[in-house]
PDB file of N, CA and C in Angstrom:
ATOM      1  N   MET A   1     -85.082  48.845 -10.403  1.00  0.00           N
ATOM      2  CA  MET A   1     -86.422  48.435 -10.506  1.00  0.00           C
ATOM      3  C   MET A   1     -86.760  49.463 -11.127  1.00  0.00           C
ATOM      4  N   TYR A   2     -88.159  49.497 -12.009  1.00  0.00           N
ATOM      5  CA  TYR A   2     -88.851  50.699 -12.486  1.00  0.00           C
ATOM      6  C   TYR A   2     -90.166  50.791 -11.890  1.00  0.00           C
ATOM      7  N   VAL A   3     -90.007  52.006 -11.547  1.00  0.00           N
ATOM      8  CA  VAL A   3     -91.239  52.033 -10.331  1.00  0.00           C
ATOM      9  C   VAL A   3     -92.377  52.819 -11.231  1.00  0.00           C
ATOM     10  N   CYS A   4     -91.987  53.672 -12.078  1.00  0.00           N
ATOM     11  CA  CYS A   4     -92.901  54.129 -13.227  1.00  0.00           C
ATOM     12  C   CYS A   4     -92.667  53.388 -14.359  1.00  0.00           C
ATOM     13  N   ASN A   5     -93.319  52.775 -15.127  1.00  0.00           N
ATOM     14  CA  ASN A   5     -93.175  51.997 -16.061  1.00  0.00           C
ATOM     15  C   ASN A   5     -93.421  53.438 -17.323  1.00  0.00           C
ATOM     16  N   CYS A   6     -94.728  54.207 -16.622  1.00  0.00           N
ATOM     17  CA  CYS A   6     -94.964  55.118 -18.205  1.00  0.00           C
ATOM     18  C   CYS A   6     -93.817  56.024 -18.602  1.00  0.00           C
ATOM     19  N   ASN A   7     -92.809  56.572 -17.537  1.00  0.00           N
ATOM     20  CA  ASN A   7     -91.880  57.526 -17.786  1.00  0.00           C
ATOM     21  C   ASN A   7     -90.205  56.999 -17.694  1.00  0.00           C
ATOM     22  N   GLY A   8     -90.684  55.330 -16.863  1.00  0.00           N
ATOM     23  CA  GLY A   8     -88.983  54.956 -17.318  1.00  0.00           C
ATOM     24  C   GLY A   8     -88.104  55.069 -15.915  1.00  0.00           C
ATOM     25  N   ILE A   9     -89.131  55.859 -14.706  1.00  0.00           N
ATOM     26  CA  ILE A   9     -88.220  56.342 -13.557  1.00  0.00           C
ATOM     27  C   ILE A   9     -88.222  54.741 -12.605  1.00  0.00           C
ATOM     28  N   ARG A  10     -86.528  54.935 -12.116  1.00  0.00           N
ATOM     29  CA  ARG A  10     -86.605  54.219 -11.739  1.00  0.00           C
ATOM     30  C   ARG A  10     -86.251  54.066 -10.076  1.00  0.00           C
ATOM     31  N   GLU A  11     -86.414  53.175  -8.908  1.00  0.00           N
ATOM     32  CA  GLU A  11     -86.549  53.286  -8.015  1.00  0.00           C
ATOM     33  C   GLU A  11     -85.113  53.915  -7.333  1.00  0.00           C
ATOM     34  N   ARG A  12     -83.761  54.105  -7.710  1.00  0.00           N
ATOM     35  CA  ARG A  12     -83.003  54.688  -7.480  1.00  0.00           C
ATOM     36  C   ARG A  12     -83.061  56.382  -8.136  1.00  0.00           C
ATOM     37  N   GLU A  13     -83.765  56.632  -8.656  1.00  0.00           N
ATOM     38  CA  GLU A  13     -83.904  57.892  -9.245  1.00  0.00           C
ATOM     39  C   GLU A  13     -84.852  58.791  -8.359  1.00  0.00           C
ATOM     40  N   ILE A  14     -85.931  57.410  -7.747  1.00  0.00           N
ATOM     41  CA  ILE A  14     -86.958  58.370  -6.809  1.00  0.00           C
ATOM     42  C   ILE A  14     -86.078  58.409  -5.453  1.00  0.00           C
ATOM     43  N   ARG A  15     -85.600  57.524  -4.984  1.00  0.00           N
ATOM     44  CA  ARG A  15     -84.472  57.658  -3.763  1.00  0.00           C
ATOM     45  C   ARG A  15     -83.782  58.978  -3.688  1.00  0.00           C
ATOM     46  N   ALA A  16     -82.870  59.577  -5.191  1.00  0.00           N
ATOM     47  CA  ALA A  16     -82.261  60.543  -4.885  1.00  0.00           C
ATOM     48  C   ALA A  16     -83.314  61.375  -5.171  1.00  0.00           C
ATOM     49  N   ALA A  17     -84.196  61.297  -5.655  1.00  0.00           N
ATOM     50  CA  ALA A  17     -85.608  62.554  -5.377  1.00  0.00           C
ATOM     51  C   ALA A  17     -85.822  62.798  -4.235  1.00  0.00           C
ATOM     52  N   ILE A  18     -86.106  61.992  -3.149  1.00  0.00           N
ATOM     53  CA  ILE A  18     -86.324  61.980  -1.771  1.00  0.00           C
ATOM     54  C   ILE A  18     -85.360  62.787  -1.003  1.00  0.00           C
ATOM     55  N   ALA A  19     -84.099  62.063  -1.295  1.00  0.00           N
ATOM     56  CA  ALA A  19     -82.672  62.821  -1.220  1.00  0.00           C
ATOM     57  C   ALA A  19     -82.792  63.945  -0.787  1.00  0.00           C
ATOM     58  N   SER A  20     -83.151  64.439  -1.891  1.00  0.00           N
ATOM     59  CA  SER A  20     -82.849  65.366  -2.207  1.00  0.00           C
ATOM     60  C   SER A  20     -83.939  66.940  -1.967  1.00  0.00           C
ATOM     61  N   GLY A  21     -84.769  66.133  -1.400  1.00  0.00           N
ATOM     62  CA  GLY A  21     -85.887  67.418  -0.513  1.00  0.00           C
ATOM     63  C   GLY A  21     -87.050  66.813  -0.916  1.00  0.00           C
ATOM     64  N   ALA A  22     -87.382  65.871  -2.022  1.00  0.00           N
ATOM     65  CA  ALA A  22     -88.614  65.515  -2.551  1.00  0.00           C
ATOM     66  C   ALA A  22     -89.448  65.368  -1.368  1.00  0.00           C
ATOM     67  N   SER A  23     -90.518  65.562  -1.343  1.00  0.00           N
ATOM     68  CA  SER A  23     -91.788  65.258  -0.113  1.00  0.00           C
ATOM     69  C   SER A  23     -93.022  64.898  -0.449  1.00  0.00           C
ATOM     70  N   ARG A  24     -93.375  64.949  -1.495  1.00  0.00           N
ATOM     71  CA  ARG A  24     -94.261  64.380  -2.592  1.00  0.00           C
ATOM     72  C   ARG A  24     -94.359  63.853  -3.771  1.00  0.00           C
ATOM     73  N   PRO A  25     -95.374  62.869  -4.595  1.00  0.00           N
ATOM     74  CA  PRO A  25     -95.080  62.193  -5.776  1.00  0.00           C
ATOM     75  C   PRO A  25     -94.929  63.479  -7.164  1.00  0.00           C
ATOM     76  N   ALA A  26     -95.387  64.616  -6.706  1.00  0.00           N
ATOM     77  CA  ALA A  26     -95.354  66.022  -7.703  1.00  0.00           C
ATOM     78  C   ALA A  26     -94.149  66.027  -8.085  1.00  0.00           C
ATOM     79  N   GLU A  27     -93.500  66.317  -6.385  1.00  0.00           N
ATOM     80  CA  GLU A  27     -92.048  66.782  -5.993  1.00  0.00           C
ATOM     81  C   GLU A  27     -91.331  65.702  -7.084  1.00  0.00           C
ATOM     82  N   ILE A  28     -91.416  64.392  -7.040  1.00  0.00           N
ATOM     83  CA  ILE A  28     -90.225  63.316  -7.451  1.00  0.00           C
ATOM     84  C   ILE A  28     -91.028  63.936  -9.004  1.00  0.00           C
ATOM     85  N   PHE A  29     -91.914  63.600  -9.851  1.00  0.00           N
ATOM     86  CA  PHE A  29     -91.873  63.774 -10.902  1.00  0.00           C
ATOM     87  C   PHE A  29     -90.942  65.125 -11.223  1.00  0.00           C
ATOM     88  N   ARG A  30     -91.234  65.983 -10.619  1.00  0.00           N
ATOM     89  CA  ARG A  30     -90.460  67.151 -11.380  1.00  0.00           C
ATOM     90  C   ARG A  30     -88.943  67.214 -11.151  1.00  0.00           C
ATOM     91  N   ALA A  31     -88.396  66.317  -9.959  1.00  0.00           N
ATOM     92  CA  ALA A  31     -87.418  66.565  -9.803  1.00  0.00           C
ATOM     93  C   ALA A  31     -86.768  65.330 -11.012  1.00  0.00           C
ATOM     94  N   CYS A  32     -87.367  64.565 -11.514  1.00  0.00           N
ATOM     95  CA  CYS A  32     -86.835  63.507 -12.581  1.00  0.00           C
ATOM     96  C   CYS A  32     -87.248  64.101 -13.954  1.00  0.00           C
ATOM     97  N   GLY A  33     -88.102  65.385 -13.995  1.00  0.00           N
ATOM     98  CA  GLY A  33     -88.021  66.083 -15.386  1.00  0.00           C
ATOM     99  C   GLY A  33     -89.569  65.462 -16.539  1.00  0.00           C
ATOM    100  N   GLN A  34     -90.372  64.498 -15.574  1.00  0.00           N
ATOM    101  CA  GLN A  34     -91.228  63.817 -16.032  1.00  0.00           C
ATOM    102  C   GLN A  34     -92.905  64.375 -15.222  1.00  0.00           C
ATOM    103  N   THR A  35     -93.520  63.805 -16.168  1.00  0.00           N
ATOM    104  CA  THR A  35     -95.093  64.210 -15.798  1.00  0.00           C
ATOM    105  C   THR A  35     -95.994  63.353 -15.687  1.00  0.00           C
ATOM    106  N   PRO A  36     -96.839  63.726 -14.450  1.00  0.00           N
ATOM    107  CA  PRO A  36     -97.389  61.761 -14.383  1.00  0.00           C
ATOM    108  C   PRO A  36     -98.267  61.299 -15.874  1.00  0.00           C
ATOM    109  N   GLN A  37     -98.409  60.256 -15.897  1.00  0.00           N
ATOM    110  CA  GLN A  37     -99.209  59.910 -16.905  1.00  0.00           C
ATOM    111  C   GLN A  37    -100.456  58.792 -16.327  1.00  0.00           C
ATOM    112  N   CYS A  38    -100.046  57.458 -15.727  1.00  0.00           N
ATOM    113  CA  CYS A  38    -101.199  56.544 -15.721  1.00  0.00           C
ATOM    114  C   CYS A  38    -101.412  57.122 -13.816  1.00  0.00           C
ATOM    115  N   ALA A  39    -100.825  57.324 -13.413  1.00  0.00           N
ATOM    116  CA  ALA A  39    -100.599  57.003 -11.755  1.00  0.00           C
ATOM    117  C   ALA A  39    -100.694  56.030 -10.719  1.00  0.00           C
ATOM    118  N   ARG A  40    -100.401  54.932 -11.695  1.00  0.00           N
ATOM    119  CA  ARG A  40     -99.949  53.879 -10.798  1.00  0.00           C
ATOM    120  C   ARG A  40     -99.131  53.803 -10.286  1.00  0.00           C
ATOM    121  N   CYS A  41     -97.782  54.483 -10.541  1.00  0.00           N
ATOM    122  CA  CYS A  41     -96.775  54.326  -9.297  1.00  0.00           C
ATOM    123  C   CYS A  41     -96.926  55.336  -8.055  1.00  0.00           C
ATOM    124  N   VAL A  42     -97.800  56.160  -7.842  1.00  0.00           N
ATOM    125  CA  VAL A  42     -97.503  57.581  -6.833  1.00  0.00           C
ATOM    126  C   VAL A  42     -97.983  56.581  -4.963  1.00  0.00           C
ATOM    127  N   CYS A  43     -98.618  55.446  -5.567  1.00  0.00           N
ATOM    128  CA  CYS A  43     -98.686  54.623  -3.983  1.00  0.00           C
ATOM    129  C   CYS A  43     -97.574  54.306  -4.037  1.00  0.00           C
ATOM    130  N   ASP A  44     -96.359  53.981  -4.382  1.00  0.00           N
ATOM    131  CA  ASP A  44     -95.615  53.142  -4.332  1.00  0.00           C
ATOM    132  C   ASP A  44     -94.235  54.169  -4.555  1.00  0.00           C
ATOM    133  N   MET A  45     -94.814  55.152  -4.461  1.00  0.00           N
ATOM    134  CA  MET A  45     -93.820  56.561  -4.209  1.00  0.00           C
ATOM    135  C   MET A  45     -94.285  56.979  -3.155  1.00  0.00           C
ATOM    136  N   ARG A  46     -95.467  56.902  -2.698  1.00  0.00           N
ATOM    137  CA  ARG A  46     -96.008  57.295  -1.321  1.00  0.00           C
ATOM    138  C   ARG A  46     -95.411  56.258  -0.323  1.00  0.00           C
ATOM    139  N   LYS A  47     -95.329  55.364  -0.564  1.00  0.00           N
ATOM    140  CA  LYS A  47     -94.654  54.300   0.463  1.00  0.00           C
ATOM    141  C   LYS A  47     -93.332  54.459   0.414  1.00  0.00           C
ATOM    142  N   MET A  48     -92.254  54.598  -0.447  1.00  0.00           N
ATOM    143  CA  MET A  48     -90.900  54.671  -0.350  1.00  0.00           C
ATOM    144  C   MET A  48     -90.924  56.311   0.668  1.00  0.00           C
ATOM    145  N   LEU A  49     -91.969  57.273   0.228  1.00  0.00           N
ATOM    146  CA  LEU A  49     -92.110  58.544   1.150  1.00  0.00           C
ATOM    147  C   LEU A  49     -91.970  58.825   2.580  1.00  0.00           C
ATOM    148  N   SER A  50     -93.132  57.318   2.651  1.00  0.00           N
ATOM    149  CA  SER A  50     -93.235  57.278   4.015  1.00  0.00           C
ATOM    150  C   SER A  50     -92.320  56.432   4.541  1.00  0.00           C
ATOM    151  N   GLU A  51     -91.492  55.605   4.211  1.00  0.00           N
ATOM    152  CA  GLU A  51     -90.363  54.965   4.397  1.00  0.00           C
ATOM    153  C   GLU A  51     -89.188  55.767   4.860  1.00  0.00           C
ATOM    154  N   GLN A  52     -88.951  56.489   4.290  1.00  0.00           N
ATOM    155  CA  GLN A  52     -88.005  57.642   4.201  1.00  0.00           C
ATOM    156  C   GLN A  52     -88.243  58.448   5.424  1.00  0.00           C
ATOM    157  N   ASP A  53     -89.419  58.826   5.846  1.00  0.00           N
ATOM    158  CA  ASP A  53     -89.905  59.316   6.953  1.00  0.00           C
ATOM    159  C   ASP A  53     -89.663  58.815   8.169  1.00  0.00           C
ATOM    160  N   GLU A  54     -90.245  57.277   8.329  1.00  0.00           N
ATOM    161  CA  GLU A  54     -90.071  56.528   9.051  1.00  0.00           C
ATOM    162  C   GLU A  54     -88.311  56.410   9.419  1.00  0.00           C
ATOM    163  N   ALA A  55     -87.720  56.331   8.525  1.00  0.00           N
ATOM    164  CA  ALA A  55     -86.298  56.305   8.881  1.00  0.00           C
ATOM    165  C   ALA A  55     -85.332  57.172   9.274  1.00  0.00           C
ATOM    166  N   LEU A  56     -85.845  58.560   9.228  1.00  0.00           N
ATOM    167  CA  LEU A  56     -85.484  59.609   9.772  1.00  0.00           C
ATOM    168  C   LEU A  56     -86.118  60.075  10.965  1.00  0.00           C
ATOM    169  N   ARG A  57     -86.929  59.444  11.371  1.00  0.00           N
ATOM    170  CA  ARG A  57     -87.422  59.605  12.675  1.00  0.00           C
ATOM    171  C   ARG A  57     -86.734  58.716  13.797  1.00  0.00           C
ATOM    172  N   TYR A  58     -86.396  57.592  13.261  1.00  0.00           N
ATOM    173  CA  TYR A  58     -85.716  56.351  13.743  1.00  0.00           C
ATOM    174  C   TYR A  58     -84.160  56.934  14.581  1.00  0.00           C
ATOM    175  N   ALA A  59     -83.627  57.512  13.195  1.00  0.00           N
ATOM    176  CA  ALA A  59     -82.477  57.715  13.627  1.00  0.00           C
ATOM    177  C   ALA A  59     -82.253  59.344  14.506  1.00  0.00           C
ATOM    178  N   ALA A  60     -83.439  59.927  14.047  1.00  0.00           N
ATOM    179  CA  ALA A  60     -83.376  61.335  15.074  1.00  0.00           C
ATOM    180  C   ALA A  60     -83.551  60.841  17.288  1.00  0.00           C
ATOM    181  N   GLU A  61     -83.509  59.483  17.091  1.00  0.00           N
ATOM    182  CA  GLU A  61     -84.003  58.897  18.384  1.00  0.00           C
ATOM    183  C   GLU A  61     -82.392  59.004  18.947  1.00  0.00           C
TER     184      GLU A  61
END
């Protein structure tokens, strides 16, 4: 599924960037070799980042 239509960034690419250490939307764009355009996808990226943080928090328990 495309998360960023402007740059054609898919969900799996974002998840890979997060798994590689991206912790902010700007870092996700950089990891994907893109720059933000309209920024509509930033909220979705932040949600994915917080989901990952929550998953790591539960895994640590």
